[in-house]
Amino acid sequence: MKLQLLQLSLASGALGGLLSGFLGKSGVLDKRACNANNCARAVTGTRYAAAVQAQHTADCSSFMSQTITPATPTTYVTITPTSYSIVGGVTQRAAAPEIEARTPAAGPVTQNPTDIPLYATACGGSIGYASACSCAGITQVTTYAPTPATATSTVYAATSVIPACDPALAYGATWHDGEMDPAAGRQNLAGVDPNFNTQQCCAFCYQYGANCLAWYMAGGCNIVVESTGSKTPTDYCFTGQYALTNPDVGPGGYGLGPCLYPVDIVTF
């Protein structure tokens, strides 16, 4: 019956469970399960020279070792992607790209040796070999590996959709003056399309990847972009977002793009 139980454990490959199952409270195999069979003679027999016996003991100690590597600590940074929807227009801004969902972090990894020495083939596998080693007084030893370095993972929340270029709000063209952050690659793209109306010009500014700071109508559609800045990128402002300090808000004016945000607003 005990042999059948051992064979069942072998089929499951649960060496750690096996050892805890047939080791007594002292950690030494119950003497009733220790037999002077060919396995025991091959592993712990005294007919071998002292050096060979010492090697067999060392092999048992190595086999009865267990290494547990702790799970990798992970710091999660949550980002909410943003997408703009052009209000009432036929031109729609492309949505932010789909991002793979967060995968659960892996737990600790336990490693148990499974290969037995060639001289222990009479044991019939790892279970018989572990039994012979235990009968020799060699118990399982657990070693904990150092905790891996902390990893950083980005978690993307559901996309936030923001309306833009609303005709009821003058398409957003209500900004005057103000000072923009200095940037190396600011360009004014005049006359993007002479046939664009106000809403189309605004919609052009909110295209994915446009890096648009502002737009305005003057002899056609004009777009202000940043091409070489080095601020923290967003999902559609690849050179980052810039501040507009002390702008005025009132009728007429220019419109803000997704890459420019107002600070210290003055209303008139």
C-alpha atoms as a PDB file:
ATOM      1  CA  MET A   1       0.000   0.000   0.000  1.00  0.00           C
ATOM      2  CA  LYS A   2       2.796   2.443   0.843  1.00  0.00           C
ATOM      3  CA  LEU A   3       4.520   1.573  -2.402  1.00  0.00           C
ATOM      4  CA  GLN A   4       1.318   2.397  -4.312  1.00  0.00           C
ATOM      5  CA  LEU A   5       1.091   5.727  -2.526  1.00  0.00           C
ATOM      6  CA  LEU A   6       4.686   6.509  -3.448  1.00  0.00           C
ATOM      7  CA  GLN A   7       4.031   5.633  -7.072  1.00  0.00           C
ATOM      8  CA  LEU A   8       0.986   7.910  -7.099  1.00  0.00           C
ATOM      9  CA  SER A   9       3.098  10.775  -5.782  1.00  0.00           C
ATOM     10  CA  LEU A  10       5.699  10.080  -8.442  1.00  0.00           C
ATOM     11  CA  ALA A  11       3.051  10.398 -11.146  1.00  0.00           C
ATOM     12  CA  SER A  12       2.096  13.814  -9.816  1.00  0.00           C
ATOM     13  CA  GLY A  13       5.722  14.976  -9.604  1.00  0.00           C
ATOM     14  CA  ALA A  14       5.111  16.542  -6.186  1.00  0.00           C
ATOM     15  CA  LEU A  15       8.482  15.910  -4.555  1.00  0.00           C
ATOM     16  CA  GLY A  16       7.939  18.600  -1.915  1.00  0.00           C
ATOM     17  CA  GLY A  17       4.570  17.092  -0.934  1.00  0.00           C
ATOM     18  CA  LEU A  18       6.066  13.614  -0.856  1.00  0.00           C
ATOM     19  CA  LEU A  19       8.834  14.584   1.521  1.00  0.00           C
ATOM     20  CA  SER A  20       6.424  16.269   3.922  1.00  0.00           C
ATOM     21  CA  GLY A  21       4.169  13.222   3.699  1.00  0.00           C
ATOM     22  CA  PHE A  22       6.568  10.466   4.678  1.00  0.00           C
ATOM     23  CA  LEU A  23       8.990  12.393   6.912  1.00  0.00           C
ATOM     24  CA  GLY A  24       8.286  12.260  10.626  1.00  0.00           C
ATOM     25  CA  LYS A  25       8.257  15.229  12.970  1.00  0.00           C
ATOM     26  CA  SER A  26      11.989  14.950  13.354  1.00  0.00           C
ATOM     27  CA  GLY A  27      12.436  15.242   9.602  1.00  0.00           C
ATOM     28  CA  VAL A  28      13.818  11.668   9.370  1.00  0.00           C
ATOM     29  CA  LEU A  29      12.053   8.969   7.400  1.00  0.00           C
ATOM     30  CA  ASP A  30       9.862   6.670   9.457  1.00  0.00           C
ATOM     31  CA  LYS A  31      12.010   3.586  10.104  1.00  0.00           C
ATOM     32  CA  ARG A  32       9.173   1.311   9.011  1.00  0.00           C
ATOM     33  CA  ALA A  33       9.577   2.675   5.460  1.00  0.00           C
ATOM     34  CA  CYS A  34      13.364   2.177   5.382  1.00  0.00           C
ATOM     35  CA  ASN A  35      14.325  -1.101   3.764  1.00  0.00           C
ATOM     36  CA  ALA A  36      17.739  -2.526   2.960  1.00  0.00           C
ATOM     37  CA  ASN A  37      16.823  -2.949  -0.686  1.00  0.00           C
ATOM     38  CA  ASN A  38      18.935  -2.495  -3.794  1.00  0.00           C
ATOM     39  CA  CYS A  39      18.114   1.217  -3.887  1.00  0.00           C
ATOM     40  CA  ALA A  40      19.365   1.811  -0.360  1.00  0.00           C
ATOM     41  CA  ARG A  41      22.472  -0.317  -0.965  1.00  0.00           C
ATOM     42  CA  ALA A  42      23.262   1.661  -4.130  1.00  0.00           C
ATOM     43  CA  VAL A  43      22.822   5.011  -2.448  1.00  0.00           C
ATOM     44  CA  THR A  44      24.013   4.582   1.147  1.00  0.00           C
ATOM     45  CA  GLY A  45      25.691   1.169   1.129  1.00  0.00           C
ATOM     46  CA  THR A  46      28.811   0.805   3.273  1.00  0.00           C
ATOM     47  CA  ARG A  47      30.588  -1.454   0.823  1.00  0.00           C
ATOM     48  CA  TYR A  48      31.860   1.608  -1.041  1.00  0.00           C
ATOM     49  CA  ALA A  49      35.115   3.365  -0.242  1.00  0.00           C
ATOM     50  CA  ALA A  50      34.884   6.344   2.122  1.00  0.00           C
ATOM     51  CA  ALA A  51      35.338   8.848  -0.690  1.00  0.00           C
ATOM     52  CA  VAL A  52      32.512   7.279  -2.686  1.00  0.00           C
ATOM     53  CA  GLN A  53      30.198   7.246   0.344  1.00  0.00           C
ATOM     54  CA  ALA A  54      30.999  10.937   0.920  1.00  0.00           C
ATOM     55  CA  GLN A  55      30.098  11.693  -2.698  1.00  0.00           C
ATOM     56  CA  HIS A  56      26.819   9.799  -2.389  1.00  0.00           C
ATOM     57  CA  THR A  57      25.993  11.779   0.734  1.00  0.00           C
ATOM     58  CA  ALA A  58      26.769  15.023  -1.081  1.00  0.00           C
ATOM     59  CA  ASP A  59      24.557  13.945  -3.989  1.00  0.00           C
ATOM     60  CA  CYS A  60      21.698  13.263  -1.567  1.00  0.00           C
ATOM     61  CA  SER A  61      22.133  16.654   0.085  1.00  0.00           C
ATOM     62  CA  SER A  62      22.042  18.358  -3.309  1.00  0.00           C
ATOM     63  CA  PHE A  63      18.940  16.437  -4.353  1.00  0.00           C
ATOM     64  CA  MET A  64      17.126  17.169  -1.103  1.00  0.00           C
ATOM     65  CA  SER A  65      17.648  20.930  -1.523  1.00  0.00           C
ATOM     66  CA  GLN A  66      14.813  23.208  -2.535  1.00  0.00           C
ATOM     67  CA  THR A  67      15.224  26.776  -3.808  1.00  0.00           C
ATOM     68  CA  ILE A  68      12.432  29.341  -3.624  1.00  0.00           C
ATOM     69  CA  THR A  69      12.788  32.547  -5.609  1.00  0.00           C
ATOM     70  CA  PRO A  70      10.427  35.288  -4.351  1.00  0.00           C
ATOM     71  CA  ALA A  71       8.083  36.969  -6.784  1.00  0.00           C
ATOM     72  CA  THR A  72       9.396  40.055  -8.523  1.00  0.00           C
ATOM     73  CA  PRO A  73       8.086  43.208  -6.783  1.00  0.00           C
ATOM     74  CA  THR A  74       6.238  45.351  -9.302  1.00  0.00           C
ATOM     75  CA  THR A  75       5.366  49.033  -9.231  1.00  0.00           C
ATOM     76  CA  TYR A  76       2.383  49.908 -11.419  1.00  0.00           C
ATOM     77  CA  VAL A  77       1.999  53.279 -13.146  1.00  0.00           C
ATOM     78  CA  THR A  78      -1.570  53.968 -14.282  1.00  0.00           C
ATOM     79  CA  ILE A  79      -2.122  56.003 -17.443  1.00  0.00           C
ATOM     80  CA  THR A  80      -5.491  57.037 -18.824  1.00  0.00           C
ATOM     81  CA  PRO A  81      -5.235  57.417 -22.623  1.00  0.00           C
ATOM     82  CA  THR A  82      -7.209  60.278 -24.148  1.00  0.00           C
ATOM     83  CA  SER A  83      -9.092  60.466 -27.415  1.00  0.00           C
ATOM     84  CA  TYR A  84     -10.865  63.445 -28.966  1.00  0.00           C
ATOM     85  CA  SER A  85     -14.177  63.382 -30.782  1.00  0.00           C
ATOM     86  CA  ILE A  86     -14.891  66.243 -33.178  1.00  0.00           C
ATOM     87  CA  VAL A  87     -18.329  67.589 -32.250  1.00  0.00           C
ATOM     88  CA  GLY A  88     -20.761  67.652 -35.166  1.00  0.00           C
ATOM     89  CA  GLY A  89     -18.065  67.178 -37.781  1.00  0.00           C
ATOM     90  CA  VAL A  90     -17.526  64.487 -40.368  1.00  0.00           C
ATOM     91  CA  THR A  91     -13.807  64.422 -39.570  1.00  0.00           C
ATOM     92  CA  GLN A  92     -13.206  62.302 -36.504  1.00  0.00           C
ATOM     93  CA  ARG A  93      -9.951  62.218 -34.588  1.00  0.00           C
ATOM     94  CA  ALA A  94      -8.408  58.745 -34.466  1.00  0.00           C
ATOM     95  CA  ALA A  95      -8.714  56.977 -31.152  1.00  0.00           C
ATOM     96  CA  ALA A  96      -5.634  56.146 -29.101  1.00  0.00           C
ATOM     97  CA  PRO A  97      -4.097  52.757 -29.961  1.00  0.00           C
ATOM     98  CA  GLU A  98      -5.286  49.688 -28.110  1.00  0.00           C
ATOM     99  CA  ILE A  99      -3.012  48.669 -25.250  1.00  0.00           C
ATOM    100  CA  GLU A 100      -2.727  45.133 -23.929  1.00  0.00           C
ATOM    101  CA  ALA A 101      -4.384  44.569 -20.578  1.00  0.00           C
ATOM    102  CA  ARG A 102      -2.316  44.096 -17.458  1.00  0.00           C
ATOM    103  CA  THR A 103      -1.312  40.497 -16.786  1.00  0.00           C
ATOM    104  CA  PRO A 104      -1.238  39.135 -13.219  1.00  0.00           C
ATOM    105  CA  ALA A 105       2.177  39.114 -11.593  1.00  0.00           C
ATOM    106  CA  ALA A 106       3.819  35.721 -11.201  1.00  0.00           C
ATOM    107  CA  GLY A 107       4.182  34.279  -7.700  1.00  0.00           C
ATOM    108  CA  PRO A 108       7.247  32.734  -6.064  1.00  0.00           C
ATOM    109  CA  VAL A 109       9.061  30.052  -8.052  1.00  0.00           C
ATOM    110  CA  THR A 110       9.983  26.788  -6.307  1.00  0.00           C
ATOM    111  CA  GLN A 111      12.716  24.624  -7.787  1.00  0.00           C
ATOM    112  CA  ASN A 112      13.214  20.999  -6.749  1.00  0.00           C
ATOM    113  CA  PRO A 113      15.905  18.770  -8.312  1.00  0.00           C
ATOM    114  CA  THR A 114      14.466  15.891 -10.338  1.00  0.00           C
ATOM    115  CA  ASP A 115      17.481  14.115 -11.852  1.00  0.00           C
ATOM    116  CA  ILE A 116      18.960  11.233  -9.870  1.00  0.00           C
ATOM    117  CA  PRO A 117      22.524   9.837 -10.179  1.00  0.00           C
ATOM    118  CA  LEU A 118      23.132   6.956 -12.580  1.00  0.00           C
ATOM    119  CA  TYR A 119      24.207   4.671  -9.717  1.00  0.00           C
ATOM    120  CA  ALA A 120      20.703   5.078  -8.200  1.00  0.00           C
ATOM    121  CA  THR A 121      18.763   3.540 -11.094  1.00  0.00           C
ATOM    122  CA  ALA A 122      17.639   0.717  -8.773  1.00  0.00           C
ATOM    123  CA  CYS A 123      15.533   3.319  -6.935  1.00  0.00           C
ATOM    124  CA  GLY A 124      13.172   3.533  -9.894  1.00  0.00           C
ATOM    125  CA  GLY A 125      13.021   7.328  -9.909  1.00  0.00           C
ATOM    126  CA  SER A 126      13.137  10.431  -7.746  1.00  0.00           C
ATOM    127  CA  ILE A 127      10.718   9.177  -5.074  1.00  0.00           C
ATOM    128  CA  GLY A 128      12.706   6.033  -4.288  1.00  0.00           C
ATOM    129  CA  TYR A 129      15.943   8.017  -4.329  1.00  0.00           C
ATOM    130  CA  ALA A 130      14.515  10.644  -1.951  1.00  0.00           C
ATOM    131  CA  SER A 131      13.362   7.842   0.361  1.00  0.00           C
ATOM    132  CA  ALA A 132      16.846   6.301   0.442  1.00  0.00           C
ATOM    133  CA  CYS A 133      18.430   9.679   1.156  1.00  0.00           C
ATOM    134  CA  SER A 134      15.942  10.326   3.954  1.00  0.00           C
ATOM    135  CA  CYS A 135      16.704   6.922   5.503  1.00  0.00           C
ATOM    136  CA  ALA A 136      20.326   8.036   5.660  1.00  0.00           C
ATOM    137  CA  GLY A 137      19.232  11.013   7.770  1.00  0.00           C
ATOM    138  CA  ILE A 138      19.446  13.613   5.026  1.00  0.00           C
ATOM    139  CA  THR A 139      16.427  15.917   5.191  1.00  0.00           C
ATOM    140  CA  GLN A 140      15.058  18.486   2.808  1.00  0.00           C
ATOM    141  CA  VAL A 141      16.618  21.955   3.099  1.00  0.00           C
ATOM    142  CA  THR A 142      14.895  25.043   1.695  1.00  0.00           C
ATOM    143  CA  THR A 143      16.970  27.980   0.445  1.00  0.00           C
ATOM    144  CA  TYR A 144      15.465  31.351  -0.381  1.00  0.00           C
ATOM    145  CA  ALA A 145      17.036  33.200  -3.293  1.00  0.00           C
ATOM    146  CA  PRO A 146      17.402  36.996  -3.115  1.00  0.00           C
ATOM    147  CA  THR A 147      14.321  39.010  -4.041  1.00  0.00           C
ATOM    148  CA  PRO A 148      14.578  40.202  -7.662  1.00  0.00           C
ATOM    149  CA  ALA A 149      14.872  43.902  -8.412  1.00  0.00           C
ATOM    150  CA  THR A 150      11.604  45.851  -8.538  1.00  0.00           C
ATOM    151  CA  ALA A 151      10.050  46.043 -11.988  1.00  0.00           C
ATOM    152  CA  THR A 152       7.878  48.877 -13.302  1.00  0.00           C
ATOM    153  CA  SER A 153       4.757  48.110 -15.311  1.00  0.00           C
ATOM    154  CA  THR A 154       2.411  50.547 -17.024  1.00  0.00           C
ATOM    155  CA  VAL A 155      -1.319  49.981 -16.569  1.00  0.00           C
ATOM    156  CA  TYR A 156      -3.672  51.631 -19.055  1.00  0.00           C
ATOM    157  CA  ALA A 157      -7.141  52.568 -17.828  1.00  0.00           C
ATOM    158  CA  ALA A 158     -10.172  52.958 -20.090  1.00  0.00           C
ATOM    159  CA  THR A 159      -9.735  55.667 -22.721  1.00  0.00           C
ATOM    160  CA  SER A 160     -11.160  59.062 -21.826  1.00  0.00           C
ATOM    161  CA  VAL A 161     -13.037  60.585 -24.801  1.00  0.00           C
ATOM    162  CA  ILE A 162     -13.122  64.399 -24.863  1.00  0.00           C
ATOM    163  CA  PRO A 163     -15.278  66.454 -27.256  1.00  0.00           C
ATOM    164  CA  ALA A 164     -13.431  69.055 -29.307  1.00  0.00           C
ATOM    165  CA  CYS A 165     -14.208  71.743 -31.892  1.00  0.00           C
ATOM    166  CA  ASP A 166     -17.740  72.310 -30.639  1.00  0.00           C
ATOM    167  CA  PRO A 167     -19.597  74.859 -32.844  1.00  0.00           C
ATOM    168  CA  ALA A 168     -21.601  75.961 -29.779  1.00  0.00           C
ATOM    169  CA  LEU A 169     -18.307  77.043 -28.169  1.00  0.00           C
ATOM    170  CA  ALA A 170     -16.928  78.858 -31.226  1.00  0.00           C
ATOM    171  CA  TYR A 171     -14.943  75.701 -32.028  1.00  0.00           C
ATOM    172  CA  GLY A 172     -12.681  76.581 -29.102  1.00  0.00           C
ATOM    173  CA  ALA A 173     -11.216  79.638 -30.876  1.00  0.00           C
ATOM    174  CA  THR A 174     -11.535  81.923 -27.843  1.00  0.00           C
ATOM    175  CA  TRP A 175      -7.901  82.380 -26.726  1.00  0.00           C
ATOM    176  CA  HIS A 176      -5.791  85.540 -26.966  1.00  0.00           C
ATOM    177  CA  ASP A 177      -2.169  86.384 -26.194  1.00  0.00           C
ATOM    178  CA  GLY A 178      -0.335  84.369 -23.536  1.00  0.00           C
ATOM    179  CA  GLU A 179       3.225  83.090 -23.438  1.00  0.00           C
ATOM    180  CA  MET A 180       4.137  79.583 -24.564  1.00  0.00           C
ATOM    181  CA  ASP A 181       6.869  77.484 -23.012  1.00  0.00           C
ATOM    182  CA  PRO A 182      10.071  77.779 -25.013  1.00  0.00           C
ATOM    183  CA  ALA A 183      10.555  74.893 -27.416  1.00  0.00           C
ATOM    184  CA  ALA A 184      13.225  74.184 -29.997  1.00  0.00           C
ATOM    185  CA  GLY A 185      11.075  72.876 -32.811  1.00  0.00           C
ATOM    186  CA  ARG A 186       8.027  75.152 -32.854  1.00  0.00           C
ATOM    187  CA  GLN A 187       6.711  75.740 -36.341  1.00  0.00           C
ATOM    188  CA  ASN A 188       3.827  77.718 -37.747  1.00  0.00           C
ATOM    189  CA  LEU A 189       2.344  75.753 -40.634  1.00  0.00           C
ATOM    190  CA  ALA A 190       0.552  78.477 -42.555  1.00  0.00           C
ATOM    191  CA  GLY A 191      -2.086  77.678 -45.135  1.00  0.00           C
ATOM    192  CA  VAL A 192      -2.488  73.990 -44.300  1.00  0.00           C
ATOM    193  CA  ASP A 193      -5.448  73.882 -46.655  1.00  0.00           C
ATOM    194  CA  PRO A 194      -6.990  77.077 -48.054  1.00  0.00           C
ATOM    195  CA  ASN A 195     -10.335  75.308 -48.403  1.00  0.00           C
ATOM    196  CA  PHE A 196     -10.607  74.321 -44.717  1.00  0.00           C
ATOM    197  CA  ASN A 197     -13.388  75.944 -42.763  1.00  0.00           C
ATOM    198  CA  THR A 198     -13.032  76.705 -39.040  1.00  0.00           C
ATOM    199  CA  GLN A 199     -14.176  73.306 -37.836  1.00  0.00           C
ATOM    200  CA  GLN A 200     -11.977  71.459 -40.323  1.00  0.00           C
ATOM    201  CA  CYS A 201      -8.966  73.478 -39.224  1.00  0.00           C
ATOM    202  CA  CYS A 202      -9.678  72.630 -35.589  1.00  0.00           C
ATOM    203  CA  ALA A 203     -10.199  68.961 -36.482  1.00  0.00           C
ATOM    204  CA  PHE A 204      -6.872  68.916 -38.329  1.00  0.00           C
ATOM    205  CA  CYS A 205      -5.144  70.109 -35.140  1.00  0.00           C
ATOM    206  CA  TYR A 206      -6.687  67.222 -33.200  1.00  0.00           C
ATOM    207  CA  GLN A 207      -5.512  64.505 -35.558  1.00  0.00           C
ATOM    208  CA  TYR A 208      -3.575  61.711 -33.890  1.00  0.00           C
ATOM    209  CA  GLY A 209       0.146  62.469 -34.100  1.00  0.00           C
ATOM    210  CA  ALA A 210      -0.245  66.106 -35.201  1.00  0.00           C
ATOM    211  CA  ASN A 211       1.701  67.419 -32.138  1.00  0.00           C
ATOM    212  CA  CYS A 212      -0.545  70.475 -32.445  1.00  0.00           C
ATOM    213  CA  LEU A 213      -0.189  73.353 -29.989  1.00  0.00           C
ATOM    214  CA  ALA A 214      -2.731  75.762 -31.484  1.00  0.00           C
ATOM    215  CA  TRP A 215      -4.650  76.662 -34.616  1.00  0.00           C
ATOM    216  CA  TYR A 216      -6.147  79.833 -36.065  1.00  0.00           C
ATOM    217  CA  MET A 217      -7.855  81.127 -39.177  1.00  0.00           C
ATOM    218  CA  ALA A 218      -6.003  83.851 -41.106  1.00  0.00           C
ATOM    219  CA  GLY A 219      -6.026  83.555 -44.872  1.00  0.00           C
ATOM    220  CA  GLY A 220      -6.812  79.895 -44.425  1.00  0.00           C
ATOM    221  CA  CYS A 221      -6.056  77.315 -41.757  1.00  0.00           C
ATOM    222  CA  ASN A 222      -2.853  77.825 -39.750  1.00  0.00           C
ATOM    223  CA  ILE A 223      -1.410  75.215 -37.364  1.00  0.00           C
ATOM    224  CA  VAL A 224       1.286  75.691 -34.697  1.00  0.00           C
ATOM    225  CA  VAL A 225       3.189  72.493 -33.966  1.00  0.00           C
ATOM    226  CA  GLU A 226       6.182  71.310 -31.947  1.00  0.00           C
ATOM    227  CA  SER A 227       8.439  68.833 -33.748  1.00  0.00           C
ATOM    228  CA  THR A 228      11.587  68.378 -31.638  1.00  0.00           C
ATOM    229  CA  GLY A 229      10.620  69.104 -28.030  1.00  0.00           C
ATOM    230  CA  SER A 230      11.707  66.787 -25.235  1.00  0.00           C
ATOM    231  CA  LYS A 231       8.925  66.979 -22.660  1.00  0.00           C
ATOM    232  CA  THR A 232       7.194  63.816 -21.460  1.00  0.00           C
ATOM    233  CA  PRO A 233       5.304  62.329 -24.434  1.00  0.00           C
ATOM    234  CA  THR A 234       1.596  61.584 -24.312  1.00  0.00           C
ATOM    235  CA  ASP A 235      -0.260  59.162 -26.538  1.00  0.00           C
ATOM    236  CA  TYR A 236      -0.714  61.835 -29.246  1.00  0.00           C
ATOM    237  CA  CYS A 237       1.686  64.645 -28.283  1.00  0.00           C
ATOM    238  CA  PHE A 238       4.902  62.804 -28.992  1.00  0.00           C
ATOM    239  CA  THR A 239       7.122  65.748 -28.063  1.00  0.00           C
ATOM    240  CA  GLY A 240       5.122  66.464 -24.907  1.00  0.00           C
ATOM    241  CA  GLN A 241       2.644  69.092 -23.707  1.00  0.00           C
ATOM    242  CA  TYR A 242       3.485  72.752 -23.165  1.00  0.00           C
ATOM    243  CA  ALA A 243       2.088  75.494 -20.939  1.00  0.00           C
ATOM    244  CA  LEU A 244       0.404  78.682 -22.122  1.00  0.00           C
ATOM    245  CA  THR A 245       0.803  81.294 -19.354  1.00  0.00           C
ATOM    246  CA  ASN A 246      -1.528  84.293 -18.781  1.00  0.00           C
ATOM    247  CA  PRO A 247      -3.768  83.857 -21.821  1.00  0.00           C
ATOM    248  CA  ASP A 248      -6.939  85.929 -22.251  1.00  0.00           C
ATOM    249  CA  VAL A 249     -10.295  84.319 -22.952  1.00  0.00           C
ATOM    250  CA  GLY A 250     -12.933  86.096 -25.004  1.00  0.00           C
ATOM    251  CA  PRO A 251     -14.699  86.170 -28.362  1.00  0.00           C
ATOM    252  CA  GLY A 252     -12.571  85.475 -31.404  1.00  0.00           C
ATOM    253  CA  GLY A 253      -8.945  84.381 -31.274  1.00  0.00           C
ATOM    254  CA  TYR A 254      -7.126  81.125 -31.728  1.00  0.00           C
ATOM    255  CA  GLY A 255      -7.896  77.608 -30.557  1.00  0.00           C
ATOM    256  CA  LEU A 256      -5.783  75.403 -28.305  1.00  0.00           C
ATOM    257  CA  GLY A 257      -4.616  72.034 -29.544  1.00  0.00           C
ATOM    258  CA  PRO A 258      -4.159  68.897 -27.431  1.00  0.00           C
ATOM    259  CA  CYS A 259      -0.480  69.711 -26.780  1.00  0.00           C
ATOM    260  CA  LEU A 260      -0.997  73.134 -25.154  1.00  0.00           C
ATOM    261  CA  TYR A 261      -2.634  73.794 -21.777  1.00  0.00           C
ATOM    262  CA  PRO A 262      -3.504  77.194 -20.234  1.00  0.00           C
ATOM    263  CA  VAL A 263      -2.110  78.485 -16.917  1.00  0.00           C
ATOM    264  CA  ASP A 264      -3.225  81.631 -15.015  1.00  0.00           C
ATOM    265  CA  ILE A 265      -6.157  82.443 -17.313  1.00  0.00           C
ATOM    266  CA  VAL A 266      -7.410  86.024 -17.610  1.00  0.00           C
ATOM    267  CA  THR A 267     -11.056  86.519 -18.654  1.00  0.00           C
ATOM    268  CA  PHE A 268     -12.279  89.658 -20.401  1.00  0.00           C
END
